[in-house]
Amino acid sequence: WLQIPAVYVSKIQKKMPRKVAIALDSDPCSVEALAWLLKAFLVPKDEVSLIHVIDRRPIELPESDECKKLRGYGYANLVELNKCVEKLHEAKAVEMMREFAKQSLKSGIDAETILLKGNVKHKLCHFAEEENIDVFAVGSRGLGMASRMMLGSVSDYCVHNMKCPVVVVKCSSLECNDTTSNTKPAVSVAVS
């Protein structure tokens, strides 16, 4: 039996706007998840935040003799290279989020876009808690058990660490996973 937190039930009964946060990235599953959420979950009165986290880890060369030679030949001014890569990532993220906001607006949902920097899992959980999000939504590529253990699934981390309900939209697109059926996205709701 699914237990929904009393605060959430109260907002539904009073027809108050829900604070909904949606984690997005450039993966086709994010596009599919947002499309499903716009069609089947969100309503115009919801306060929607579209969030993207730039997880930029600096490029580093190992301390080996061969890498030291590369530095001498001008291959690796790593500070400048990292700045350049970060600017590129930010520009692409801004454009991507602009497109997601346009898609939302076409569906009658006025959403704010938010770019954060840092560890994706931690930043998303921190944002949800700090902003008192009522419902958090994230797409999932449907990684297998081994991949989740090796790579760590963002959606799995959010489900287990957020204090608000988490809606996970599992991707059905062939671009996202290896399934051969073209079914509608599967949706799971986790309530803590």
C-alpha atoms as a PDB file:
ATOM      1  CA  TRP A   1       0.000   0.000   0.000  1.00  0.00           C
ATOM      2  CA  LEU A   2       1.378   3.383  -0.982  1.00  0.00           C
ATOM      3  CA  GLN A   3       1.484   5.980   1.767  1.00  0.00           C
ATOM      4  CA  ILE A   4       1.514   9.568   0.564  1.00  0.00           C
ATOM      5  CA  PRO A   5       2.892  12.184   2.989  1.00  0.00           C
ATOM      6  CA  ALA A   6       0.192  14.279   4.685  1.00  0.00           C
ATOM      7  CA  VAL A   7       1.663  17.568   3.411  1.00  0.00           C
ATOM      8  CA  TYR A   8       1.341  16.356  -0.179  1.00  0.00           C
ATOM      9  CA  VAL A   9      -2.254  15.141   0.345  1.00  0.00           C
ATOM     10  CA  SER A  10      -3.116  18.482   1.934  1.00  0.00           C
ATOM     11  CA  LYS A  11      -1.823  20.394  -1.099  1.00  0.00           C
ATOM     12  CA  ILE A  12      -3.837  18.170  -3.440  1.00  0.00           C
ATOM     13  CA  GLN A  13      -7.010  18.665  -1.386  1.00  0.00           C
ATOM     14  CA  LYS A  14      -6.532  22.438  -1.196  1.00  0.00           C
ATOM     15  CA  LYS A  15      -5.618  22.577  -4.910  1.00  0.00           C
ATOM     16  CA  MET A  16      -2.397  24.375  -4.051  1.00  0.00           C
ATOM     17  CA  PRO A  17       0.437  24.389  -6.580  1.00  0.00           C
ATOM     18  CA  ARG A  18       2.927  21.573  -6.229  1.00  0.00           C
ATOM     19  CA  LYS A  19       6.631  22.376  -6.299  1.00  0.00           C
ATOM     20  CA  VAL A  20       7.917  19.928  -8.906  1.00  0.00           C
ATOM     21  CA  ALA A  21      11.580  19.580  -9.856  1.00  0.00           C
ATOM     22  CA  ILE A  22      12.654  17.666 -12.960  1.00  0.00           C
ATOM     23  CA  ALA A  23      16.251  16.557 -13.489  1.00  0.00           C
ATOM     24  CA  LEU A  24      17.291  16.731 -17.144  1.00  0.00           C
ATOM     25  CA  ASP A  25      20.372  16.096 -19.243  1.00  0.00           C
ATOM     26  CA  SER A  26      21.208  15.579 -22.910  1.00  0.00           C
ATOM     27  CA  ASP A  27      20.243  11.895 -22.882  1.00  0.00           C
ATOM     28  CA  PRO A  28      17.238  10.999 -25.117  1.00  0.00           C
ATOM     29  CA  CYS A  29      15.600   9.523 -22.013  1.00  0.00           C
ATOM     30  CA  SER A  30      15.402  13.007 -20.484  1.00  0.00           C
ATOM     31  CA  VAL A  31      13.547  14.233 -23.555  1.00  0.00           C
ATOM     32  CA  GLU A  32      11.139  11.304 -23.315  1.00  0.00           C
ATOM     33  CA  ALA A  33      10.658  11.720 -19.563  1.00  0.00           C
ATOM     34  CA  LEU A  34       9.886  15.434 -19.903  1.00  0.00           C
ATOM     35  CA  ALA A  35       7.413  14.751 -22.719  1.00  0.00           C
ATOM     36  CA  TRP A  36       5.595  12.178 -20.568  1.00  0.00           C
ATOM     37  CA  LEU A  37       5.575  14.440 -17.509  1.00  0.00           C
ATOM     38  CA  LEU A  38       4.174  17.344 -19.558  1.00  0.00           C
ATOM     39  CA  LYS A  39       1.464  15.146 -21.035  1.00  0.00           C
ATOM     40  CA  ALA A  40       0.433  13.002 -18.080  1.00  0.00           C
ATOM     41  CA  PHE A  41       1.645  14.459 -14.790  1.00  0.00           C
ATOM     42  CA  LEU A  42       2.103  18.232 -14.672  1.00  0.00           C
ATOM     43  CA  VAL A  43      -0.698  20.791 -14.492  1.00  0.00           C
ATOM     44  CA  PRO A  44      -0.429  24.523 -15.318  1.00  0.00           C
ATOM     45  CA  LYS A  45      -0.609  25.613 -11.666  1.00  0.00           C
ATOM     46  CA  ASP A  46       2.468  23.532 -10.713  1.00  0.00           C
ATOM     47  CA  GLU A  47       5.632  25.444  -9.860  1.00  0.00           C
ATOM     48  CA  VAL A  48       8.111  23.610 -12.072  1.00  0.00           C
ATOM     49  CA  SER A  49      11.912  23.748 -11.941  1.00  0.00           C
ATOM     50  CA  LEU A  50      13.884  22.146 -14.757  1.00  0.00           C
ATOM     51  CA  ILE A  51      17.318  21.286 -13.393  1.00  0.00           C
ATOM     52  CA  HIS A  52      20.574  20.342 -15.049  1.00  0.00           C
ATOM     53  CA  VAL A  53      23.764  19.670 -13.128  1.00  0.00           C
ATOM     54  CA  ILE A  54      27.101  20.175 -14.848  1.00  0.00           C
ATOM     55  CA  ASP A  55      29.411  17.557 -13.406  1.00  0.00           C
ATOM     56  CA  ARG A  56      32.761  18.863 -14.551  1.00  0.00           C
ATOM     57  CA  ARG A  57      35.722  17.044 -13.228  1.00  0.00           C
ATOM     58  CA  PRO A  58      38.978  18.725 -14.227  1.00  0.00           C
ATOM     59  CA  ILE A  59      41.143  17.059 -16.832  1.00  0.00           C
ATOM     60  CA  GLU A  60      44.416  15.959 -15.295  1.00  0.00           C
ATOM     61  CA  LEU A  61      47.521  14.353 -16.700  1.00  0.00           C
ATOM     62  CA  PRO A  62      49.103  11.658 -14.566  1.00  0.00           C
ATOM     63  CA  GLU A  63      52.484  12.435 -13.086  1.00  0.00           C
ATOM     64  CA  SER A  64      54.558  10.291 -15.431  1.00  0.00           C
ATOM     65  CA  ASP A  65      57.657  11.074 -17.456  1.00  0.00           C
ATOM     66  CA  GLU A  66      55.703  10.809 -20.712  1.00  0.00           C
ATOM     67  CA  CYS A  67      53.038  13.258 -19.502  1.00  0.00           C
ATOM     68  CA  LYS A  68      55.712  15.691 -18.320  1.00  0.00           C
ATOM     69  CA  LYS A  69      57.119  15.658 -21.874  1.00  0.00           C
ATOM     70  CA  LEU A  70      53.671  16.560 -23.235  1.00  0.00           C
ATOM     71  CA  ARG A  71      53.506  19.601 -20.967  1.00  0.00           C
ATOM     72  CA  GLY A  72      56.839  20.749 -22.345  1.00  0.00           C
ATOM     73  CA  TYR A  73      55.546  20.603 -25.922  1.00  0.00           C
ATOM     74  CA  GLY A  74      52.546  22.816 -25.208  1.00  0.00           C
ATOM     75  CA  TYR A  75      50.016  19.984 -25.378  1.00  0.00           C
ATOM     76  CA  ALA A  76      48.625  20.546 -21.979  1.00  0.00           C
ATOM     77  CA  ASN A  77      48.048  23.880 -20.404  1.00  0.00           C
ATOM     78  CA  LEU A  78      45.451  22.114 -18.297  1.00  0.00           C
ATOM     79  CA  VAL A  79      44.128  25.194 -16.523  1.00  0.00           C
ATOM     80  CA  GLU A  80      43.248  26.833 -19.843  1.00  0.00           C
ATOM     81  CA  LEU A  81      41.948  23.566 -21.287  1.00  0.00           C
ATOM     82  CA  ASN A  82      39.659  23.043 -18.295  1.00  0.00           C
ATOM     83  CA  LYS A  83      38.335  26.606 -18.543  1.00  0.00           C
ATOM     84  CA  CYS A  84      37.611  26.104 -22.237  1.00  0.00           C
ATOM     85  CA  VAL A  85      35.840  22.770 -21.677  1.00  0.00           C
ATOM     86  CA  GLU A  86      33.790  24.255 -18.817  1.00  0.00           C
ATOM     87  CA  LYS A  87      32.643  27.186 -20.979  1.00  0.00           C
ATOM     88  CA  LEU A  88      31.684  24.776 -23.750  1.00  0.00           C
ATOM     89  CA  HIS A  89      29.676  22.595 -21.339  1.00  0.00           C
ATOM     90  CA  GLU A  90      27.918  25.627 -19.875  1.00  0.00           C
ATOM     91  CA  ALA A  91      26.976  27.010 -23.306  1.00  0.00           C
ATOM     92  CA  LYS A  92      25.562  23.656 -24.400  1.00  0.00           C
ATOM     93  CA  ALA A  93      23.687  23.284 -21.099  1.00  0.00           C
ATOM     94  CA  VAL A  94      22.120  26.741 -21.397  1.00  0.00           C
ATOM     95  CA  GLU A  95      20.921  26.003 -24.940  1.00  0.00           C
ATOM     96  CA  MET A  96      19.596  22.563 -23.945  1.00  0.00           C
ATOM     97  CA  MET A  97      17.665  24.003 -20.999  1.00  0.00           C
ATOM     98  CA  ARG A  98      16.283  26.791 -23.208  1.00  0.00           C
ATOM     99  CA  GLU A  99      14.857  24.100 -25.508  1.00  0.00           C
ATOM    100  CA  PHE A 100      13.365  22.187 -22.563  1.00  0.00           C
ATOM    101  CA  ALA A 101      11.746  25.416 -21.304  1.00  0.00           C
ATOM    102  CA  LYS A 102      10.270  26.080 -24.782  1.00  0.00           C
ATOM    103  CA  GLN A 103       8.886  22.533 -24.889  1.00  0.00           C
ATOM    104  CA  SER A 104       7.307  23.044 -21.468  1.00  0.00           C
ATOM    105  CA  LEU A 105       5.779  26.377 -22.424  1.00  0.00           C
ATOM    106  CA  LYS A 106       4.252  24.841 -25.578  1.00  0.00           C
ATOM    107  CA  SER A 107       2.506  22.372 -23.263  1.00  0.00           C
ATOM    108  CA  GLY A 108       1.153  25.144 -21.035  1.00  0.00           C
ATOM    109  CA  ILE A 109       3.713  24.725 -18.253  1.00  0.00           C
ATOM    110  CA  ASP A 110       5.753  27.771 -17.289  1.00  0.00           C
ATOM    111  CA  ALA A 111       8.995  26.376 -15.900  1.00  0.00           C
ATOM    112  CA  GLU A 112      12.134  27.957 -14.532  1.00  0.00           C
ATOM    113  CA  THR A 113      15.483  26.530 -15.593  1.00  0.00           C
ATOM    114  CA  ILE A 114      18.287  25.987 -13.127  1.00  0.00           C
ATOM    115  CA  LEU A 115      21.908  25.080 -13.817  1.00  0.00           C
ATOM    116  CA  LEU A 116      23.982  23.714 -10.961  1.00  0.00           C
ATOM    117  CA  LYS A 117      27.603  22.569 -10.844  1.00  0.00           C
ATOM    118  CA  GLY A 118      28.986  19.636  -8.926  1.00  0.00           C
ATOM    119  CA  ASN A 119      28.216  16.013  -8.194  1.00  0.00           C
ATOM    120  CA  VAL A 120      24.886  15.331  -9.918  1.00  0.00           C
ATOM    121  CA  LYS A 121      23.394  13.038  -7.272  1.00  0.00           C
ATOM    122  CA  HIS A 122      24.328  15.231  -4.329  1.00  0.00           C
ATOM    123  CA  LYS A 123      23.326  18.505  -5.989  1.00  0.00           C
ATOM    124  CA  LEU A 124      19.880  17.159  -6.947  1.00  0.00           C
ATOM    125  CA  CYS A 125      19.183  15.882  -3.432  1.00  0.00           C
ATOM    126  CA  HIS A 126      20.429  19.108  -1.867  1.00  0.00           C
ATOM    127  CA  PHE A 127      18.263  21.203  -4.218  1.00  0.00           C
ATOM    128  CA  ALA A 128      15.143  19.147  -3.459  1.00  0.00           C
ATOM    129  CA  GLU A 129      15.643  19.574   0.274  1.00  0.00           C
ATOM    130  CA  GLU A 130      16.649  23.258   0.218  1.00  0.00           C
ATOM    131  CA  GLU A 131      13.751  24.256  -2.045  1.00  0.00           C
ATOM    132  CA  ASN A 132      11.165  22.096  -0.217  1.00  0.00           C
ATOM    133  CA  ILE A 133      10.245  20.276  -3.410  1.00  0.00           C
ATOM    134  CA  ASP A 134       6.954  18.344  -3.179  1.00  0.00           C
ATOM    135  CA  VAL A 135       7.695  15.917  -6.040  1.00  0.00           C
ATOM    136  CA  PHE A 136      10.959  15.203  -7.817  1.00  0.00           C
ATOM    137  CA  ALA A 137      11.010  13.611 -11.284  1.00  0.00           C
ATOM    138  CA  VAL A 138      13.864  11.965 -13.124  1.00  0.00           C
ATOM    139  CA  GLY A 139      14.247   9.805 -16.215  1.00  0.00           C
ATOM    140  CA  SER A 140      15.915   6.425 -16.115  1.00  0.00           C
ATOM    141  CA  ARG A 141      17.699   4.526 -18.860  1.00  0.00           C
ATOM    142  CA  GLY A 142      16.967   1.236 -17.154  1.00  0.00           C
ATOM    143  CA  LEU A 143      20.529   0.275 -16.341  1.00  0.00           C
ATOM    144  CA  GLY A 144      20.960  -3.334 -15.340  1.00  0.00           C
ATOM    145  CA  MET A 145      22.055  -4.359 -11.860  1.00  0.00           C
ATOM    146  CA  ALA A 146      25.750  -4.549 -12.795  1.00  0.00           C
ATOM    147  CA  SER A 147      25.755  -1.106 -14.444  1.00  0.00           C
ATOM    148  CA  ARG A 148      23.967   0.449 -11.474  1.00  0.00           C
ATOM    149  CA  MET A 149      26.518  -1.049  -9.104  1.00  0.00           C
ATOM    150  CA  MET A 150      29.498   0.029 -11.228  1.00  0.00           C
ATOM    151  CA  LEU A 151      28.311   3.453 -12.389  1.00  0.00           C
ATOM    152  CA  GLY A 152      25.685   4.335  -9.840  1.00  0.00           C
ATOM    153  CA  SER A 153      22.279   5.354 -11.110  1.00  0.00           C
ATOM    154  CA  VAL A 154      21.189   8.944 -10.464  1.00  0.00           C
ATOM    155  CA  SER A 155      17.537   7.907 -10.282  1.00  0.00           C
ATOM    156  CA  ASP A 156      18.332   5.086  -7.854  1.00  0.00           C
ATOM    157  CA  TYR A 157      20.309   7.463  -5.642  1.00  0.00           C
ATOM    158  CA  CYS A 158      17.474  10.017  -5.662  1.00  0.00           C
ATOM    159  CA  VAL A 159      14.879   7.388  -4.757  1.00  0.00           C
ATOM    160  CA  HIS A 160      16.906   6.282  -1.750  1.00  0.00           C
ATOM    161  CA  ASN A 161      18.118   9.666  -0.531  1.00  0.00           C
ATOM    162  CA  MET A 162      15.432  12.277  -1.183  1.00  0.00           C
ATOM    163  CA  LYS A 163      12.876  13.103   1.459  1.00  0.00           C
ATOM    164  CA  CYS A 164      10.132  13.905  -1.062  1.00  0.00           C
ATOM    165  CA  PRO A 165       8.322  11.491  -3.397  1.00  0.00           C
ATOM    166  CA  VAL A 166      10.360  10.678  -6.523  1.00  0.00           C
ATOM    167  CA  VAL A 167       8.758   9.900  -9.879  1.00  0.00           C
ATOM    168  CA  VAL A 168      11.027   7.780 -12.087  1.00  0.00           C
ATOM    169  CA  VAL A 169      10.105   7.677 -15.763  1.00  0.00           C
ATOM    170  CA  LYS A 170      11.775   4.671 -17.349  1.00  0.00           C
ATOM    171  CA  CYS A 171      12.745   5.277 -20.939  1.00  0.00           C
ATOM    172  CA  SER A 172      11.141   3.148 -23.627  1.00  0.00           C
ATOM    173  CA  SER A 173      12.988   4.627 -26.594  1.00  0.00           C
ATOM    174  CA  LEU A 174      15.354   2.414 -28.575  1.00  0.00           C
ATOM    175  CA  GLU A 175      17.964   5.182 -28.348  1.00  0.00           C
ATOM    176  CA  CYS A 176      17.940   4.843 -24.565  1.00  0.00           C
ATOM    177  CA  ASN A 177      18.144   1.117 -24.034  1.00  0.00           C
ATOM    178  CA  ASP A 178      18.284  -2.169 -25.862  1.00  0.00           C
ATOM    179  CA  THR A 179      14.611  -3.132 -25.685  1.00  0.00           C
ATOM    180  CA  THR A 180      12.905  -3.941 -28.956  1.00  0.00           C
ATOM    181  CA  SER A 181       9.400  -2.906 -27.993  1.00  0.00           C
ATOM    182  CA  ASN A 182       8.221   0.642 -28.511  1.00  0.00           C
ATOM    183  CA  THR A 183       6.008   0.862 -25.460  1.00  0.00           C
ATOM    184  CA  LYS A 184       5.056   3.850 -23.351  1.00  0.00           C
ATOM    185  CA  PRO A 185       7.407   4.841 -20.548  1.00  0.00           C
ATOM    186  CA  ALA A 186       7.110   2.893 -17.325  1.00  0.00           C
ATOM    187  CA  VAL A 187       6.607   5.082 -14.287  1.00  0.00           C
ATOM    188  CA  SER A 188       7.485   4.334 -10.678  1.00  0.00           C
ATOM    189  CA  VAL A 189       6.778   6.497  -7.663  1.00  0.00           C
ATOM    190  CA  ALA A 190       8.892   6.162  -4.552  1.00  0.00           C
ATOM    191  CA  VAL A 191       7.637   7.761  -1.358  1.00  0.00           C
ATOM    192  CA  SER A 192       9.864   8.056   1.682  1.00  0.00           C
END
